Amino acid sequence: MSSIVNRARVVARRLADATREDGRRPEGHGLAARVATLEAAVEENRRLSQRLADVVDVVTELLVPALDRDDERLRAALARLDKTLDDSPGSED
């Protein structure tokens, strides 16, 4: 899971746990937590969409008949896919 999603969950928990001196929760705490969670989800979706686009580029190049295939474009597509996979959370060894 990405660090952005984890960070949003921490913020949401802090906001949900926050109370004022009189024991009431601050107004809008639920909305702020939801916004933080949604922002993290949007970032995660963007990252996954980029990875999918890179995979589609590679598959497209591989499905083109061999005579029409552009090996340089295939190498570039594979390089982009490798970079996307290397940048993904959890890819550190």
N, C-alpha and C. Protein backbone atom coordinates (compact mmCIF):
# COMPACT_ATOMS: atom_id res chain seq x y z
N MET A 1 0.85 -1.17 0.00
CA MET A 1 0.00 0.00 0.00
C MET A 1 0.90 1.24 0.00
N SER A 2 0.47 2.26 -0.67
CA SER A 2 1.35 3.42 -0.82
C SER A 2 1.44 4.22 0.46
N SER A 3 2.53 4.96 0.59
CA SER A 3 2.73 5.79 1.78
C SER A 3 1.71 6.91 1.83
N ILE A 4 1.22 7.34 0.68
CA ILE A 4 0.20 8.40 0.65
C ILE A 4 -1.08 7.90 1.30
N VAL A 5 -1.48 6.68 0.97
CA VAL A 5 -2.69 6.12 1.56
C VAL A 5 -2.50 5.95 3.06
N ASN A 6 -1.34 5.45 3.46
CA ASN A 6 -1.07 5.29 4.90
C ASN A 6 -1.11 6.63 5.62
N ARG A 7 -0.50 7.65 5.00
CA ARG A 7 -0.50 8.99 5.61
C ARG A 7 -1.93 9.53 5.75
N ALA A 8 -2.75 9.32 4.74
CA ALA A 8 -4.14 9.79 4.80
C ALA A 8 -4.89 9.08 5.91
N ARG A 9 -4.64 7.79 6.08
CA ARG A 9 -5.31 7.06 7.15
C ARG A 9 -4.88 7.56 8.52
N VAL A 10 -3.60 7.89 8.68
CA VAL A 10 -3.12 8.43 9.95
C VAL A 10 -3.80 9.77 10.24
N VAL A 11 -3.85 10.63 9.24
CA VAL A 11 -4.51 11.93 9.41
C VAL A 11 -5.99 11.73 9.74
N ALA A 12 -6.65 10.81 9.04
CA ALA A 12 -8.06 10.56 9.30
C ALA A 12 -8.27 10.07 10.72
N ARG A 13 -7.40 9.18 11.19
CA ARG A 13 -7.51 8.68 12.57
C ARG A 13 -7.30 9.79 13.58
N ARG A 14 -6.30 10.63 13.33
CA ARG A 14 -6.05 11.75 14.26
C ARG A 14 -7.24 12.69 14.32
N LEU A 15 -7.79 12.99 13.16
CA LEU A 15 -8.96 13.88 13.14
C LEU A 15 -10.16 13.23 13.82
N ALA A 16 -10.35 11.95 13.61
CA ALA A 16 -11.47 11.26 14.23
C ALA A 16 -11.30 11.17 15.75
N ASP A 17 -10.06 11.06 16.21
CA ASP A 17 -9.79 10.95 17.65
C ASP A 17 -9.74 12.31 18.35
N ALA A 18 -9.62 13.36 17.56
CA ALA A 18 -9.48 14.70 18.15
C ALA A 18 -10.77 15.10 18.88
N THR A 19 -10.58 15.65 20.06
CA THR A 19 -11.73 16.17 20.82
C THR A 19 -11.35 17.54 21.38
N ARG A 20 -12.38 18.34 21.58
CA ARG A 20 -12.15 19.64 22.19
C ARG A 20 -12.19 19.47 23.70
N GLU A 21 -11.87 20.53 24.41
CA GLU A 21 -11.83 20.46 25.88
C GLU A 21 -13.17 20.07 26.47
N ASP A 22 -14.26 20.44 25.80
CA ASP A 22 -15.59 20.11 26.34
C ASP A 22 -16.04 18.70 25.93
N GLY A 23 -15.13 17.94 25.30
CA GLY A 23 -15.46 16.56 24.94
C GLY A 23 -16.10 16.40 23.58
N ARG A 24 -16.41 17.52 22.92
CA ARG A 24 -17.02 17.42 21.59
C ARG A 24 -15.94 17.40 20.53
N ARG A 25 -16.22 16.73 19.45
CA ARG A 25 -15.28 16.72 18.33
C ARG A 25 -15.38 18.03 17.56
N PRO A 26 -14.27 18.48 16.99
CA PRO A 26 -14.32 19.72 16.21
C PRO A 26 -15.22 19.55 14.99
N GLU A 27 -15.89 20.64 14.64
CA GLU A 27 -16.78 20.59 13.48
C GLU A 27 -15.97 20.34 12.23
N GLY A 28 -16.53 19.53 11.35
CA GLY A 28 -15.90 19.26 10.07
C GLY A 28 -14.81 18.21 10.13
N HIS A 29 -14.61 17.58 11.29
CA HIS A 29 -13.53 16.59 11.37
C HIS A 29 -13.81 15.42 10.44
N GLY A 30 -15.05 15.03 10.31
CA GLY A 30 -15.39 13.92 9.42
C GLY A 30 -15.12 14.27 7.96
N LEU A 31 -15.43 15.50 7.59
CA LEU A 31 -15.20 15.94 6.22
C LEU A 31 -13.71 16.00 5.90
N ALA A 32 -12.92 16.52 6.83
CA ALA A 32 -11.47 16.61 6.60
C ALA A 32 -10.87 15.22 6.45
N ALA A 33 -11.32 14.29 7.25
CA ALA A 33 -10.81 12.92 7.15
C ALA A 33 -11.20 12.29 5.82
N ARG A 34 -12.43 12.52 5.41
CA ARG A 34 -12.88 11.97 4.13
C ARG A 34 -12.09 12.57 2.97
N VAL A 35 -11.83 13.87 3.01
CA VAL A 35 -11.07 14.53 1.95
C VAL A 35 -9.66 13.96 1.89
N ALA A 36 -9.02 13.79 3.05
CA ALA A 36 -7.66 13.23 3.07
C ALA A 36 -7.65 11.82 2.50
N THR A 37 -8.63 11.02 2.84
CA THR A 37 -8.71 9.66 2.33
C THR A 37 -8.96 9.66 0.83
N LEU A 38 -9.85 10.53 0.37
CA LEU A 38 -10.15 10.61 -1.07
C LEU A 38 -8.94 11.11 -1.86
N GLU A 39 -8.21 12.07 -1.33
CA GLU A 39 -7.01 12.55 -2.02
C GLU A 39 -5.99 11.43 -2.16
N ALA A 40 -5.83 10.63 -1.13
CA ALA A 40 -4.90 9.51 -1.20
C ALA A 40 -5.37 8.49 -2.23
N ALA A 41 -6.67 8.24 -2.27
CA ALA A 41 -7.21 7.29 -3.23
C ALA A 41 -7.02 7.79 -4.66
N VAL A 42 -7.18 9.08 -4.88
CA VAL A 42 -6.97 9.65 -6.22
C VAL A 42 -5.52 9.49 -6.63
N GLU A 43 -4.59 9.73 -5.72
CA GLU A 43 -3.17 9.58 -6.03
C GLU A 43 -2.84 8.13 -6.35
N GLU A 44 -3.38 7.21 -5.58
CA GLU A 44 -3.16 5.78 -5.83
C GLU A 44 -3.73 5.39 -7.19
N ASN A 45 -4.92 5.89 -7.52
CA ASN A 45 -5.55 5.61 -8.81
C ASN A 45 -4.71 6.15 -9.96
N ARG A 46 -4.14 7.33 -9.80
CA ARG A 46 -3.30 7.92 -10.83
C ARG A 46 -2.07 7.05 -11.09
N ARG A 47 -1.46 6.58 -10.01
CA ARG A 47 -0.28 5.74 -10.13
C ARG A 47 -0.61 4.41 -10.82
N LEU A 48 -1.73 3.81 -10.45
CA LEU A 48 -2.14 2.55 -11.07
C LEU A 48 -2.52 2.74 -12.53
N SER A 49 -3.14 3.87 -12.86
CA SER A 49 -3.49 4.15 -14.25
C SER A 49 -2.24 4.30 -15.10
N GLN A 50 -1.21 4.94 -14.56
CA GLN A 50 0.04 5.09 -15.29
C GLN A 50 0.68 3.73 -15.53
N ARG A 51 0.66 2.87 -14.53
CA ARG A 51 1.23 1.53 -14.68
C ARG A 51 0.46 0.75 -15.75
N LEU A 52 -0.87 0.84 -15.74
CA LEU A 52 -1.69 0.15 -16.73
C LEU A 52 -1.39 0.67 -18.14
N ALA A 53 -1.24 1.98 -18.28
CA ALA A 53 -0.92 2.55 -19.59
C ALA A 53 0.42 2.03 -20.11
N ASP A 54 1.38 1.89 -19.20
CA ASP A 54 2.69 1.37 -19.61
C ASP A 54 2.58 -0.10 -20.04
N VAL A 55 1.78 -0.88 -19.33
CA VAL A 55 1.58 -2.29 -19.70
C VAL A 55 0.89 -2.38 -21.07
N VAL A 56 -0.11 -1.55 -21.30
CA VAL A 56 -0.82 -1.54 -22.58
C VAL A 56 0.15 -1.20 -23.72
N ASP A 57 1.05 -0.25 -23.50
CA ASP A 57 2.04 0.10 -24.53
C ASP A 57 2.90 -1.11 -24.90
N VAL A 58 3.35 -1.84 -23.89
CA VAL A 58 4.19 -3.01 -24.14
C VAL A 58 3.40 -4.08 -24.89
N VAL A 59 2.20 -4.37 -24.42
CA VAL A 59 1.37 -5.40 -25.06
C VAL A 59 1.06 -5.01 -26.50
N THR A 60 0.75 -3.75 -26.74
CA THR A 60 0.46 -3.29 -28.10
C THR A 60 1.65 -3.53 -29.02
N GLU A 61 2.84 -3.18 -28.54
CA GLU A 61 4.03 -3.39 -29.36
C GLU A 61 4.30 -4.87 -29.61
N LEU A 62 4.00 -5.71 -28.64
CA LEU A 62 4.24 -7.15 -28.82
C LEU A 62 3.24 -7.80 -29.76
N LEU A 63 2.04 -7.25 -29.85
CA LEU A 63 1.01 -7.83 -30.70
C LEU A 63 1.09 -7.37 -32.15
N VAL A 64 1.86 -6.34 -32.41
CA VAL A 64 2.05 -5.88 -33.78
C VAL A 64 2.83 -6.95 -34.54
N PRO A 65 2.40 -7.27 -35.75
CA PRO A 65 3.16 -8.28 -36.52
C PRO A 65 4.64 -7.92 -36.59
N ALA A 66 5.49 -8.95 -36.61
CA ALA A 66 6.94 -8.76 -36.54
C ALA A 66 7.47 -7.83 -37.62
N LEU A 67 6.91 -7.87 -38.82
CA LEU A 67 7.41 -7.02 -39.91
C LEU A 67 7.15 -5.54 -39.64
N ASP A 68 6.06 -5.24 -38.94
CA ASP A 68 5.70 -3.84 -38.67
C ASP A 68 6.18 -3.36 -37.31
N ARG A 69 6.77 -4.24 -36.54
CA ARG A 69 7.17 -3.89 -35.17
C ARG A 69 8.35 -2.92 -35.19
N ASP A 70 8.27 -1.95 -34.31
CA ASP A 70 9.36 -0.99 -34.13
C ASP A 70 10.08 -1.37 -32.83
N ASP A 71 11.23 -2.05 -32.99
CA ASP A 71 11.95 -2.55 -31.82
C ASP A 71 12.37 -1.43 -30.86
N GLU A 72 12.68 -0.27 -31.40
CA GLU A 72 13.06 0.85 -30.53
C GLU A 72 11.88 1.30 -29.68
N ARG A 73 10.68 1.37 -30.27
CA ARG A 73 9.49 1.73 -29.48
C ARG A 73 9.20 0.68 -28.43
N LEU A 74 9.42 -0.59 -28.77
CA LEU A 74 9.22 -1.67 -27.80
C LEU A 74 10.20 -1.51 -26.64
N ARG A 75 11.47 -1.23 -26.94
CA ARG A 75 12.45 -1.03 -25.88
C ARG A 75 12.06 0.16 -25.00
N ALA A 76 11.60 1.24 -25.62
CA ALA A 76 11.19 2.42 -24.85
C ALA A 76 9.98 2.10 -23.97
N ALA A 77 9.03 1.35 -24.50
CA ALA A 77 7.84 0.98 -23.71
C ALA A 77 8.23 0.09 -22.53
N LEU A 78 9.14 -0.85 -22.77
CA LEU A 78 9.62 -1.71 -21.68
C LEU A 78 10.38 -0.90 -20.63
N ALA A 79 11.15 0.07 -21.07
CA ALA A 79 11.88 0.92 -20.13
C ALA A 79 10.92 1.73 -19.26
N ARG A 80 9.86 2.26 -19.88
CA ARG A 80 8.85 3.01 -19.11
C ARG A 80 8.17 2.10 -18.10
N LEU A 81 7.85 0.87 -18.52
CA LEU A 81 7.21 -0.08 -17.62
C LEU A 81 8.15 -0.43 -16.46
N ASP A 82 9.42 -0.67 -16.76
CA ASP A 82 10.39 -0.96 -15.70
C ASP A 82 10.48 0.20 -14.71
N LYS A 83 10.51 1.42 -15.22
CA LYS A 83 10.58 2.59 -14.34
C LYS A 83 9.34 2.68 -13.47
N THR A 84 8.17 2.44 -14.04
CA THR A 84 6.92 2.49 -13.28
C THR A 84 6.94 1.43 -12.19
N LEU A 85 7.39 0.24 -12.53
CA LEU A 85 7.43 -0.84 -11.54
C LEU A 85 8.47 -0.55 -10.45
N ASP A 86 9.62 0.05 -10.83
CA ASP A 86 10.63 0.39 -9.85
C ASP A 86 10.17 1.49 -8.91
N ASP A 87 9.31 2.38 -9.39
CA ASP A 87 8.82 3.50 -8.58
C ASP A 87 7.67 3.11 -7.68
N SER A 88 7.13 1.90 -7.87
CA SER A 88 5.96 1.51 -7.10
C SER A 88 6.34 1.20 -5.66
N PRO A 89 5.41 1.47 -4.72
CA PRO A 89 5.67 1.17 -3.31
C PRO A 89 5.87 -0.34 -3.13
N GLY A 90 6.77 -0.68 -2.23
CA GLY A 90 7.04 -2.08 -1.97
C GLY A 90 8.04 -2.70 -2.91
N SER A 91 8.59 -1.90 -3.84
CA SER A 91 9.55 -2.45 -4.79
C SER A 91 10.98 -2.36 -4.25
N GLU A 92 11.15 -1.75 -3.07
CA GLU A 92 12.48 -1.66 -2.49
C GLU A 92 12.90 -3.03 -2.00
N ASP A 93 14.13 -3.41 -2.31
CA ASP A 93 14.63 -4.70 -1.86
C ASP A 93 15.60 -4.56 -0.72
